[in-house]
Amino acid sequence: MKIGFIGLGIMGRPMAKNLIKAGHDLVVLDMNKAAVEELTAAGASSASTPAEVAGQTDLIITMLPNSPHVKTVALGENGLIESAASGKTLIDMSSIAPGASQEVEAALAEKGMEMLDAPVSGGEPKAIDGTIAVMVGGKKEVFDKYKDVLDAMAGSVVYVGKIGAGNTTKLCNQVVVALNIAAVSEAMVLAKKAGVDPDLVYQAIRGGLAGSTVMDAKAPMMMDRNFKPGFRIDLHIKDMTNALETSRAVGVPLPLAAQAMEIMQAIKQDGCGVEDHSSIVKFYEKLANIEVTRKA
């Protein structure tokens, strides 16, 4: 299948490569020329505008930072909407506000174009090995038509409801992830300050009820002082902003999520915004005046 792919960042680039590996013909677009060159070297072709991408393909996938970027690509000047037509579909895999997904879908629908919101979870490692989790909102028949395409990038693809439901599900995911990282951080700092090797604490509790995918991914990073971004603090702040705004819109208090947001805002001010969200541990380390490391 010939697929347009717009957005070749930390996640989008390996996702696009997995589509090529699965045998799809890609037309790519990104502001980063090096990323485009990397994909064209892998066999993709390139375009200069979203409208041009949509003009060459019937399925377009976007993987962009936030709601305004998706709106601009889809509905702005030289956007997808200028080449929108019946039979074309946008799958937006960005993590954005559910209301923004609904707004874009309604505008494209007036031109006969379908849309799914299909944000992902798993970070760069899972994007590379093709095991991300995808949560999809939109018409069930459109989901069924393109599930095989999503499967080529993912280990789990789940249909969760009407348009916007995908991003609502992703916001729930991000709340759980943020609070898990904060809990792991608290525990690791407690262990270190109390004189117990954090690595031994991690090994002891990871197989019990406290164990989680988040703990297995982030505790080793904390102890190794490896904060290379699989998912940046800045992006998690963006997601938590969308989660809190959505919670207010539907009348659901999120007190723990709000606290996690303040923790991330604090470490952003310490220059950690571009680091992996495992650097949440630095907030607790600063309070306790200790650094979480493996015992020498």
C-alpha atoms as a PDB file:
ATOM      1  CA  MET A   1       0.000   0.000   0.000  1.00  0.00           C
ATOM      2  CA  LYS A   2       1.167   3.544  -0.723  1.00  0.00           C
ATOM      3  CA  ILE A   3       1.081   5.505   2.532  1.00  0.00           C
ATOM      4  CA  GLY A   4       1.871   9.102   3.388  1.00  0.00           C
ATOM      5  CA  PHE A   5       3.782   9.591   6.643  1.00  0.00           C
ATOM      6  CA  ILE A   6       4.176  13.047   8.164  1.00  0.00           C
ATOM      7  CA  GLY A   7       6.315  13.494  11.290  1.00  0.00           C
ATOM      8  CA  LEU A   8       9.662  11.713  11.551  1.00  0.00           C
ATOM      9  CA  GLY A   9      10.681  12.417  15.138  1.00  0.00           C
ATOM     10  CA  ILE A  10      11.843  10.056  17.877  1.00  0.00           C
ATOM     11  CA  MET A  11       8.764   7.860  17.419  1.00  0.00           C
ATOM     12  CA  GLY A  12       7.722   8.561  13.844  1.00  0.00           C
ATOM     13  CA  ARG A  13      11.016   7.679  12.220  1.00  0.00           C
ATOM     14  CA  PRO A  14      11.197   4.051  13.435  1.00  0.00           C
ATOM     15  CA  MET A  15       7.452   3.614  12.924  1.00  0.00           C
ATOM     16  CA  ALA A  16       7.827   4.685   9.291  1.00  0.00           C
ATOM     17  CA  LYS A  17      10.779   2.328   8.863  1.00  0.00           C
ATOM     18  CA  ASN A  18       8.667  -0.565  10.135  1.00  0.00           C
ATOM     19  CA  LEU A  19       6.048   0.197   7.496  1.00  0.00           C
ATOM     20  CA  ILE A  20       8.738   0.034   4.826  1.00  0.00           C
ATOM     21  CA  LYS A  21       9.961  -3.276   6.246  1.00  0.00           C
ATOM     22  CA  ALA A  22       6.396  -4.558   6.007  1.00  0.00           C
ATOM     23  CA  GLY A  23       6.415  -3.828   2.282  1.00  0.00           C
ATOM     24  CA  HIS A  24       4.552  -0.534   2.130  1.00  0.00           C
ATOM     25  CA  ASP A  25       5.531   2.301  -0.223  1.00  0.00           C
ATOM     26  CA  LEU A  26       5.945   5.529   1.764  1.00  0.00           C
ATOM     27  CA  VAL A  27       5.785   9.217   0.873  1.00  0.00           C
ATOM     28  CA  VAL A  28       7.326  11.109   3.803  1.00  0.00           C
ATOM     29  CA  LEU A  29       7.415  14.688   5.029  1.00  0.00           C
ATOM     30  CA  ASP A  30       9.209  16.363   7.926  1.00  0.00           C
ATOM     31  CA  MET A  31      10.926  19.673   8.666  1.00  0.00           C
ATOM     32  CA  ASN A  32      14.073  17.730   9.610  1.00  0.00           C
ATOM     33  CA  LYS A  33      15.883  17.139   6.310  1.00  0.00           C
ATOM     34  CA  ALA A  34      18.191  14.537   7.854  1.00  0.00           C
ATOM     35  CA  ALA A  35      15.198  12.451   8.935  1.00  0.00           C
ATOM     36  CA  VAL A  36      13.691  12.654   5.452  1.00  0.00           C
ATOM     37  CA  GLU A  37      17.017  11.649   3.905  1.00  0.00           C
ATOM     38  CA  GLU A  38      17.244   8.678   6.272  1.00  0.00           C
ATOM     39  CA  LEU A  39      13.818   7.457   5.154  1.00  0.00           C
ATOM     40  CA  THR A  40      14.450   8.052   1.454  1.00  0.00           C
ATOM     41  CA  ALA A  41      17.664   6.057   1.826  1.00  0.00           C
ATOM     42  CA  ALA A  42      15.481   3.250   3.199  1.00  0.00           C
ATOM     43  CA  GLY A  43      13.268   3.373   0.110  1.00  0.00           C
ATOM     44  CA  ALA A  44      10.674   6.089   0.722  1.00  0.00           C
ATOM     45  CA  SER A  45       9.955   9.057  -1.523  1.00  0.00           C
ATOM     46  CA  SER A  46       9.389  12.570  -0.207  1.00  0.00           C
ATOM     47  CA  ALA A  47       6.947  15.445  -0.645  1.00  0.00           C
ATOM     48  CA  SER A  48       7.139  19.141   0.139  1.00  0.00           C
ATOM     49  CA  THR A  49       3.675  19.821   1.640  1.00  0.00           C
ATOM     50  CA  PRO A  50       0.924  17.866   3.405  1.00  0.00           C
ATOM     51  CA  ALA A  51      -1.384  18.569   0.444  1.00  0.00           C
ATOM     52  CA  GLU A  52       1.186  16.959  -1.849  1.00  0.00           C
ATOM     53  CA  VAL A  53       1.394  13.919   0.427  1.00  0.00           C
ATOM     54  CA  ALA A  54      -2.394  13.540   0.370  1.00  0.00           C
ATOM     55  CA  GLY A  55      -2.452  14.031  -3.385  1.00  0.00           C
ATOM     56  CA  GLN A  56      -0.192  11.006  -3.855  1.00  0.00           C
ATOM     57  CA  THR A  57      -1.745   8.643  -1.281  1.00  0.00           C
ATOM     58  CA  ASP A  58      -5.109   7.444   0.000  1.00  0.00           C
ATOM     59  CA  LEU A  59      -3.856   6.753   3.542  1.00  0.00           C
ATOM     60  CA  ILE A  60      -1.908   9.387   5.457  1.00  0.00           C
ATOM     61  CA  ILE A  61      -0.378   8.825   8.903  1.00  0.00           C
ATOM     62  CA  THR A  62       0.669  11.764  11.069  1.00  0.00           C
ATOM     63  CA  MET A  63       2.952  11.573  14.117  1.00  0.00           C
ATOM     64  CA  LEU A  64       3.275  15.139  15.409  1.00  0.00           C
ATOM     65  CA  PRO A  65       4.033  16.874  18.744  1.00  0.00           C
ATOM     66  CA  ASN A  66       0.674  18.407  19.726  1.00  0.00           C
ATOM     67  CA  SER A  67      -2.791  19.600  18.724  1.00  0.00           C
ATOM     68  CA  PRO A  68      -1.735  22.819  16.923  1.00  0.00           C
ATOM     69  CA  HIS A  69       0.706  20.905  14.715  1.00  0.00           C
ATOM     70  CA  VAL A  70      -1.965  18.384  13.720  1.00  0.00           C
ATOM     71  CA  LYS A  71      -4.458  21.164  12.962  1.00  0.00           C
ATOM     72  CA  THR A  72      -1.916  22.985  10.804  1.00  0.00           C
ATOM     73  CA  VAL A  73      -0.927  19.876   8.846  1.00  0.00           C
ATOM     74  CA  ALA A  74      -4.517  18.761   8.379  1.00  0.00           C
ATOM     75  CA  LEU A  75      -6.422  22.024   7.968  1.00  0.00           C
ATOM     76  CA  GLY A  76      -3.875  24.794   7.331  1.00  0.00           C
ATOM     77  CA  GLU A  77      -2.515  26.287   4.129  1.00  0.00           C
ATOM     78  CA  ASN A  78      -1.234  23.490   1.871  1.00  0.00           C
ATOM     79  CA  GLY A  79      -2.726  21.085   4.403  1.00  0.00           C
ATOM     80  CA  LEU A  80      -4.228  17.657   3.875  1.00  0.00           C
ATOM     81  CA  ILE A  81      -7.690  19.155   3.493  1.00  0.00           C
ATOM     82  CA  GLU A  82      -6.666  20.756   0.189  1.00  0.00           C
ATOM     83  CA  SER A  83      -6.307  17.270  -1.312  1.00  0.00           C
ATOM     84  CA  ALA A  84      -9.021  15.638   0.786  1.00  0.00           C
ATOM     85  CA  ALA A  85     -11.522  13.478  -1.059  1.00  0.00           C
ATOM     86  CA  SER A  86     -13.790  10.502  -0.601  1.00  0.00           C
ATOM     87  CA  GLY A  87     -11.723   7.337  -0.200  1.00  0.00           C
ATOM     88  CA  LYS A  88      -8.856   9.038   1.609  1.00  0.00           C
ATOM     89  CA  THR A  89      -8.135   8.483   5.316  1.00  0.00           C
ATOM     90  CA  LEU A  90      -6.031  10.213   7.937  1.00  0.00           C
ATOM     91  CA  ILE A  91      -4.715   8.151  10.839  1.00  0.00           C
ATOM     92  CA  ASP A  92      -3.368  10.643  13.360  1.00  0.00           C
ATOM     93  CA  MET A  93      -1.029   8.801  15.715  1.00  0.00           C
ATOM     94  CA  SER A  94      -0.032  11.959  17.608  1.00  0.00           C
ATOM     95  CA  SER A  95      -0.937  12.368  21.266  1.00  0.00           C
ATOM     96  CA  ILE A  96      -3.247  15.382  21.284  1.00  0.00           C
ATOM     97  CA  ALA A  97      -6.385  16.683  22.980  1.00  0.00           C
ATOM     98  CA  PRO A  98      -9.473  14.567  22.207  1.00  0.00           C
ATOM     99  CA  GLY A  99     -11.405  17.702  21.252  1.00  0.00           C
ATOM    100  CA  ALA A 100      -8.775  18.569  18.645  1.00  0.00           C
ATOM    101  CA  SER A 101      -9.182  15.122  17.059  1.00  0.00           C
ATOM    102  CA  GLN A 102     -12.925  15.667  16.882  1.00  0.00           C
ATOM    103  CA  GLU A 103     -12.468  19.115  15.325  1.00  0.00           C
ATOM    104  CA  VAL A 104     -10.110  17.854  12.610  1.00  0.00           C
ATOM    105  CA  GLU A 105     -12.308  14.830  11.869  1.00  0.00           C
ATOM    106  CA  ALA A 106     -15.379  17.024  11.405  1.00  0.00           C
ATOM    107  CA  ALA A 107     -13.584  19.334   8.970  1.00  0.00           C
ATOM    108  CA  LEU A 108     -12.168  16.474   6.908  1.00  0.00           C
ATOM    109  CA  ALA A 109     -15.528  14.703   6.869  1.00  0.00           C
ATOM    110  CA  GLU A 110     -17.028  17.667   5.016  1.00  0.00           C
ATOM    111  CA  LYS A 111     -14.631  16.789   2.170  1.00  0.00           C
ATOM    112  CA  GLY A 112     -15.464  13.087   2.382  1.00  0.00           C
ATOM    113  CA  MET A 113     -12.210  12.112   4.116  1.00  0.00           C
ATOM    114  CA  GLU A 114     -12.209   9.641   7.025  1.00  0.00           C
ATOM    115  CA  MET A 115     -10.079   9.898  10.173  1.00  0.00           C
ATOM    116  CA  LEU A 116      -8.920   7.738  13.066  1.00  0.00           C
ATOM    117  CA  ASP A 117      -7.159   9.026  16.183  1.00  0.00           C
ATOM    118  CA  ALA A 118      -4.600   6.391  17.106  1.00  0.00           C
ATOM    119  CA  PRO A 119      -2.030   7.577  19.680  1.00  0.00           C
ATOM    120  CA  VAL A 120       0.672   5.205  20.835  1.00  0.00           C
ATOM    121  CA  SER A 121       2.484   4.180  23.996  1.00  0.00           C
ATOM    122  CA  GLY A 122       5.812   2.472  24.532  1.00  0.00           C
ATOM    123  CA  GLY A 123       8.528   5.004  23.802  1.00  0.00           C
ATOM    124  CA  GLU A 124      11.390   4.836  21.335  1.00  0.00           C
ATOM    125  CA  PRO A 125      12.560   1.256  22.108  1.00  0.00           C
ATOM    126  CA  LYS A 126       9.147  -0.195  21.334  1.00  0.00           C
ATOM    127  CA  ALA A 127       8.762   2.043  18.271  1.00  0.00           C
ATOM    128  CA  ILE A 128      12.030   0.617  16.979  1.00  0.00           C
ATOM    129  CA  ASP A 129      11.128  -3.028  17.534  1.00  0.00           C
ATOM    130  CA  GLY A 130       7.529  -2.590  16.405  1.00  0.00           C
ATOM    131  CA  THR A 131       5.835  -3.410  19.704  1.00  0.00           C
ATOM    132  CA  ILE A 132       4.145  -0.113  20.596  1.00  0.00           C
ATOM    133  CA  ALA A 133       0.592  -0.156  21.940  1.00  0.00           C
ATOM    134  CA  VAL A 134      -1.940   1.675  19.771  1.00  0.00           C
ATOM    135  CA  MET A 135      -5.339   2.846  21.020  1.00  0.00           C
ATOM    136  CA  VAL A 136      -7.740   3.766  18.237  1.00  0.00           C
ATOM    137  CA  GLY A 137     -10.857   5.915  18.007  1.00  0.00           C
ATOM    138  CA  GLY A 138     -13.103   6.446  14.982  1.00  0.00           C
ATOM    139  CA  LYS A 139     -15.488   4.457  12.824  1.00  0.00           C
ATOM    140  CA  LYS A 140     -15.138   0.721  13.421  1.00  0.00           C
ATOM    141  CA  GLU A 141     -15.251  -0.065   9.708  1.00  0.00           C
ATOM    142  CA  VAL A 142     -12.357   2.323   9.032  1.00  0.00           C
ATOM    143  CA  PHE A 143     -10.391   0.736  11.878  1.00  0.00           C
ATOM    144  CA  ASP A 144     -11.019  -2.739  10.456  1.00  0.00           C
ATOM    145  CA  LYS A 145      -9.849  -1.609   7.018  1.00  0.00           C
ATOM    146  CA  TYR A 146      -6.471  -0.368   8.251  1.00  0.00           C
ATOM    147  CA  LYS A 147      -5.758  -2.566  11.270  1.00  0.00           C
ATOM    148  CA  ASP A 148      -3.165  -4.552   9.317  1.00  0.00           C
ATOM    149  CA  VAL A 149      -1.235  -1.336   8.651  1.00  0.00           C
ATOM    150  CA  LEU A 150      -1.224  -0.499  12.353  1.00  0.00           C
ATOM    151  CA  ASP A 151      -0.202  -4.063  13.207  1.00  0.00           C
ATOM    152  CA  ALA A 152       2.969  -3.557  11.150  1.00  0.00           C
ATOM    153  CA  MET A 153       4.129  -0.975  13.702  1.00  0.00           C
ATOM    154  CA  ALA A 154       2.679  -2.398  16.905  1.00  0.00           C
ATOM    155  CA  GLY A 155       2.477  -5.236  19.368  1.00  0.00           C
ATOM    156  CA  SER A 156      -1.026  -4.259  20.475  1.00  0.00           C
ATOM    157  CA  VAL A 157      -3.767  -2.457  18.529  1.00  0.00           C
ATOM    158  CA  VAL A 158      -7.068  -1.923  20.345  1.00  0.00           C
ATOM    159  CA  TYR A 159     -10.218  -0.197  19.111  1.00  0.00           C
ATOM    160  CA  VAL A 160     -11.608   1.906  21.973  1.00  0.00           C
ATOM    161  CA  GLY A 161     -14.571   3.813  20.516  1.00  0.00           C
ATOM    162  CA  LYS A 162     -15.611   6.862  18.515  1.00  0.00           C
ATOM    163  CA  ILE A 163     -13.284   9.632  17.350  1.00  0.00           C
ATOM    164  CA  GLY A 164     -11.414  11.162  20.286  1.00  0.00           C
ATOM    165  CA  ALA A 165     -11.582   7.962  22.326  1.00  0.00           C
ATOM    166  CA  GLY A 166      -8.067   7.027  21.254  1.00  0.00           C
ATOM    167  CA  ASN A 167      -6.607  10.205  22.699  1.00  0.00           C
ATOM    168  CA  THR A 168      -8.738   9.965  25.841  1.00  0.00           C
ATOM    169  CA  THR A 169      -7.298   6.487  26.356  1.00  0.00           C
ATOM    170  CA  LYS A 170      -3.774   7.812  25.787  1.00  0.00           C
ATOM    171  CA  LEU A 171      -4.304  10.528  28.400  1.00  0.00           C
ATOM    172  CA  CYS A 172      -5.375   7.845  30.888  1.00  0.00           C
ATOM    173  CA  ASN A 173      -2.209   5.939  29.974  1.00  0.00           C
ATOM    174  CA  GLN A 174      -0.032   8.989  30.555  1.00  0.00           C
ATOM    175  CA  VAL A 175      -1.540   9.630  33.976  1.00  0.00           C
ATOM    176  CA  VAL A 176      -0.785   6.047  35.027  1.00  0.00           C
ATOM    177  CA  VAL A 177       2.760   6.196  33.613  1.00  0.00           C
ATOM    178  CA  ALA A 178       3.574   9.512  35.318  1.00  0.00           C
ATOM    179  CA  LEU A 179       2.328   8.305  38.691  1.00  0.00           C
ATOM    180  CA  ASN A 180       4.185   4.996  38.311  1.00  0.00           C
ATOM    181  CA  ILE A 181       7.462   6.780  37.603  1.00  0.00           C
ATOM    182  CA  ALA A 182       6.898   9.067  40.581  1.00  0.00           C
ATOM    183  CA  ALA A 183       6.194   6.070  42.830  1.00  0.00           C
ATOM    184  CA  VAL A 184       9.299   4.229  41.622  1.00  0.00           C
ATOM    185  CA  SER A 185      11.333   7.406  42.196  1.00  0.00           C
ATOM    186  CA  GLU A 186      10.072   7.759  45.762  1.00  0.00           C
ATOM    187  CA  ALA A 187      10.864   4.124  46.517  1.00  0.00           C
ATOM    188  CA  MET A 188      14.372   4.223  45.018  1.00  0.00           C
ATOM    189  CA  VAL A 189      15.260   7.414  46.892  1.00  0.00           C
ATOM    190  CA  LEU A 190      13.902   5.951  50.140  1.00  0.00           C
ATOM    191  CA  ALA A 191      15.985   2.821  49.687  1.00  0.00           C
ATOM    192  CA  LYS A 192      19.164   4.768  48.942  1.00  0.00           C
ATOM    193  CA  LYS A 193      18.724   7.191  51.846  1.00  0.00           C
ATOM    194  CA  ALA A 194      18.048   4.280  54.214  1.00  0.00           C
ATOM    195  CA  GLY A 195      21.294   2.610  53.157  1.00  0.00           C
ATOM    196  CA  VAL A 196      19.843  -0.245  51.115  1.00  0.00           C
ATOM    197  CA  ASP A 197      21.067  -0.907  47.576  1.00  0.00           C
ATOM    198  CA  PRO A 198      18.278   0.371  45.248  1.00  0.00           C
ATOM    199  CA  ASP A 199      19.098  -2.341  42.721  1.00  0.00           C
ATOM    200  CA  LEU A 200      18.497  -5.076  45.307  1.00  0.00           C
ATOM    201  CA  VAL A 201      15.216  -3.414  46.307  1.00  0.00           C
ATOM    202  CA  TYR A 202      14.209  -3.310  42.647  1.00  0.00           C
ATOM    203  CA  GLN A 203      15.111  -6.982  42.119  1.00  0.00           C
ATOM    204  CA  ALA A 204      13.219  -7.973  45.278  1.00  0.00           C
ATOM    205  CA  ILE A 205       9.957  -6.186  44.502  1.00  0.00           C
ATOM    206  CA  ARG A 206       9.714  -6.323  40.704  1.00  0.00           C
ATOM    207  CA  GLY A 207       8.252  -9.841  40.742  1.00  0.00           C
ATOM    208  CA  GLY A 208       5.512  -8.970  43.219  1.00  0.00           C
ATOM    209  CA  LEU A 209       2.468  -6.740  43.139  1.00  0.00           C
ATOM    210  CA  ALA A 210       4.622  -3.604  42.915  1.00  0.00           C
ATOM    211  CA  GLY A 211       6.230  -4.794  39.684  1.00  0.00           C
ATOM    212  CA  SER A 212       5.274  -3.076  36.451  1.00  0.00           C
ATOM    213  CA  THR A 213       6.429  -2.448  32.903  1.00  0.00           C
ATOM    214  CA  VAL A 214       7.163   1.123  33.975  1.00  0.00           C
ATOM    215  CA  MET A 215       9.370  -0.043  36.849  1.00  0.00           C
ATOM    216  CA  ASP A 216      11.291  -2.436  34.601  1.00  0.00           C
ATOM    217  CA  ALA A 217      11.868   0.286  32.018  1.00  0.00           C
ATOM    218  CA  LYS A 218      12.662   3.232  34.290  1.00  0.00           C
ATOM    219  CA  ALA A 219      14.291   1.955  37.500  1.00  0.00           C
ATOM    220  CA  PRO A 220      17.430   0.729  35.659  1.00  0.00           C
ATOM    221  CA  MET A 221      17.672   4.066  33.842  1.00  0.00           C
ATOM    222  CA  MET A 222      17.541   5.932  37.141  1.00  0.00           C
ATOM    223  CA  MET A 223      20.257   3.789  38.700  1.00  0.00           C
ATOM    224  CA  ASP A 224      22.465   3.978  35.594  1.00  0.00           C
ATOM    225  CA  ARG A 225      21.972   7.766  35.373  1.00  0.00           C
ATOM    226  CA  ASN A 226      20.790   7.230  31.812  1.00  0.00           C
ATOM    227  CA  PHE A 227      18.313   9.964  30.979  1.00  0.00           C
ATOM    228  CA  LYS A 228      18.591   9.769  27.193  1.00  0.00           C
ATOM    229  CA  PRO A 229      15.040  10.499  26.067  1.00  0.00           C
ATOM    230  CA  GLY A 230      12.798   7.647  25.069  1.00  0.00           C
ATOM    231  CA  PHE A 231      10.002  10.027  26.019  1.00  0.00           C
ATOM    232  CA  ARG A 232      10.914  13.565  27.009  1.00  0.00           C
ATOM    233  CA  ILE A 233       9.668  15.402  30.090  1.00  0.00           C
ATOM    234  CA  ASP A 234       8.511  18.221  27.787  1.00  0.00           C
ATOM    235  CA  LEU A 235       6.240  15.832  25.900  1.00  0.00           C
ATOM    236  CA  HIS A 236       4.877  14.301  29.090  1.00  0.00           C
ATOM    237  CA  ILE A 237       4.062  17.797  30.341  1.00  0.00           C
ATOM    238  CA  LYS A 238       2.162  18.360  27.096  1.00  0.00           C
ATOM    239  CA  ASP A 239       0.174  15.163  27.646  1.00  0.00           C
ATOM    240  CA  MET A 240      -0.548  15.986  31.278  1.00  0.00           C
ATOM    241  CA  THR A 241      -1.733  19.447  30.243  1.00  0.00           C
ATOM    242  CA  ASN A 242      -4.193  17.804  27.850  1.00  0.00           C
ATOM    243  CA  ALA A 243      -5.232  15.324  30.545  1.00  0.00           C
ATOM    244  CA  LEU A 244      -5.930  18.040  33.105  1.00  0.00           C
ATOM    245  CA  GLU A 245      -7.781  20.214  30.597  1.00  0.00           C
ATOM    246  CA  THR A 246      -9.904  17.236  29.552  1.00  0.00           C
ATOM    247  CA  SER A 247     -10.574  16.320  33.176  1.00  0.00           C
ATOM    248  CA  ARG A 248     -11.883  19.809  33.869  1.00  0.00           C
ATOM    249  CA  ALA A 249     -14.071  19.687  30.766  1.00  0.00           C
ATOM    250  CA  VAL A 250     -15.775  16.475  31.909  1.00  0.00           C
ATOM    251  CA  GLY A 251     -15.749  17.275  35.634  1.00  0.00           C
ATOM    252  CA  VAL A 252     -13.259  14.725  36.969  1.00  0.00           C
ATOM    253  CA  PRO A 253     -10.724  15.876  39.610  1.00  0.00           C
ATOM    254  CA  LEU A 254      -7.216  14.447  39.095  1.00  0.00           C
ATOM    255  CA  PRO A 255      -5.320  15.421  42.266  1.00  0.00           C
ATOM    256  CA  LEU A 256      -2.445  12.966  41.849  1.00  0.00           C
ATOM    257  CA  ALA A 257      -2.022  13.796  38.173  1.00  0.00           C
ATOM    258  CA  ALA A 258      -1.891  17.485  39.075  1.00  0.00           C
ATOM    259  CA  GLN A 259       0.865  16.796  41.595  1.00  0.00           C
ATOM    260  CA  ALA A 260       2.850  14.793  39.048  1.00  0.00           C
ATOM    261  CA  MET A 261       2.494  17.700  36.643  1.00  0.00           C
ATOM    262  CA  GLU A 262       3.980  20.083  39.217  1.00  0.00           C
ATOM    263  CA  ILE A 263       6.911  17.702  39.781  1.00  0.00           C
ATOM    264  CA  MET A 264       7.640  17.644  36.049  1.00  0.00           C
ATOM    265  CA  GLN A 265       7.317  21.419  35.819  1.00  0.00           C
ATOM    266  CA  ALA A 266       9.847  21.746  38.656  1.00  0.00           C
ATOM    267  CA  ILE A 267      12.487  19.547  37.029  1.00  0.00           C
ATOM    268  CA  LYS A 268      11.871  21.253  33.692  1.00  0.00           C
ATOM    269  CA  GLN A 269      12.972  24.462  35.415  1.00  0.00           C
ATOM    270  CA  ASP A 270      16.141  22.618  36.448  1.00  0.00           C
ATOM    271  CA  GLY A 271      16.915  22.005  32.774  1.00  0.00           C
ATOM    272  CA  CYS A 272      15.547  18.470  32.491  1.00  0.00           C
ATOM    273  CA  GLY A 273      12.784  19.134  29.953  1.00  0.00           C
ATOM    274  CA  VAL A 274      14.624  17.385  27.127  1.00  0.00           C
ATOM    275  CA  GLU A 275      15.530  14.373  29.285  1.00  0.00           C
ATOM    276  CA  ASP A 276      13.619  11.112  29.611  1.00  0.00           C
ATOM    277  CA  HIS A 277      10.707  11.187  32.044  1.00  0.00           C
ATOM    278  CA  SER A 278      12.674   8.836  34.294  1.00  0.00           C
ATOM    279  CA  SER A 279      14.435  12.044  35.395  1.00  0.00           C
ATOM    280  CA  ILE A 280      11.413  12.600  37.650  1.00  0.00           C
ATOM    281  CA  VAL A 281      13.678  10.872  40.169  1.00  0.00           C
ATOM    282  CA  LYS A 282      15.818  14.029  40.263  1.00  0.00           C
ATOM    283  CA  PHE A 283      12.979  15.900  41.983  1.00  0.00           C
ATOM    284  CA  TYR A 284      13.040  13.450  44.895  1.00  0.00           C
ATOM    285  CA  GLU A 285      16.837  13.280  44.932  1.00  0.00           C
ATOM    286  CA  LYS A 286      16.978  17.050  45.334  1.00  0.00           C
ATOM    287  CA  LEU A 287      14.577  16.917  48.296  1.00  0.00           C
ATOM    288  CA  ALA A 288      16.508  14.112  49.994  1.00  0.00           C
ATOM    289  CA  ASN A 289      19.988  15.365  49.021  1.00  0.00           C
ATOM    290  CA  ILE A 290      21.020  11.972  47.666  1.00  0.00           C
ATOM    291  CA  GLU A 291      21.501  10.337  44.266  1.00  0.00           C
ATOM    292  CA  VAL A 292      20.038   6.963  43.297  1.00  0.00           C
ATOM    293  CA  THR A 293      22.848   4.726  42.039  1.00  0.00           C
ATOM    294  CA  ARG A 294      23.665   1.046  42.176  1.00  0.00           C
ATOM    295  CA  LYS A 295      25.896   0.070  45.098  1.00  0.00           C
ATOM    296  CA  ALA A 296      29.540   0.080  44.011  1.00  0.00           C
END
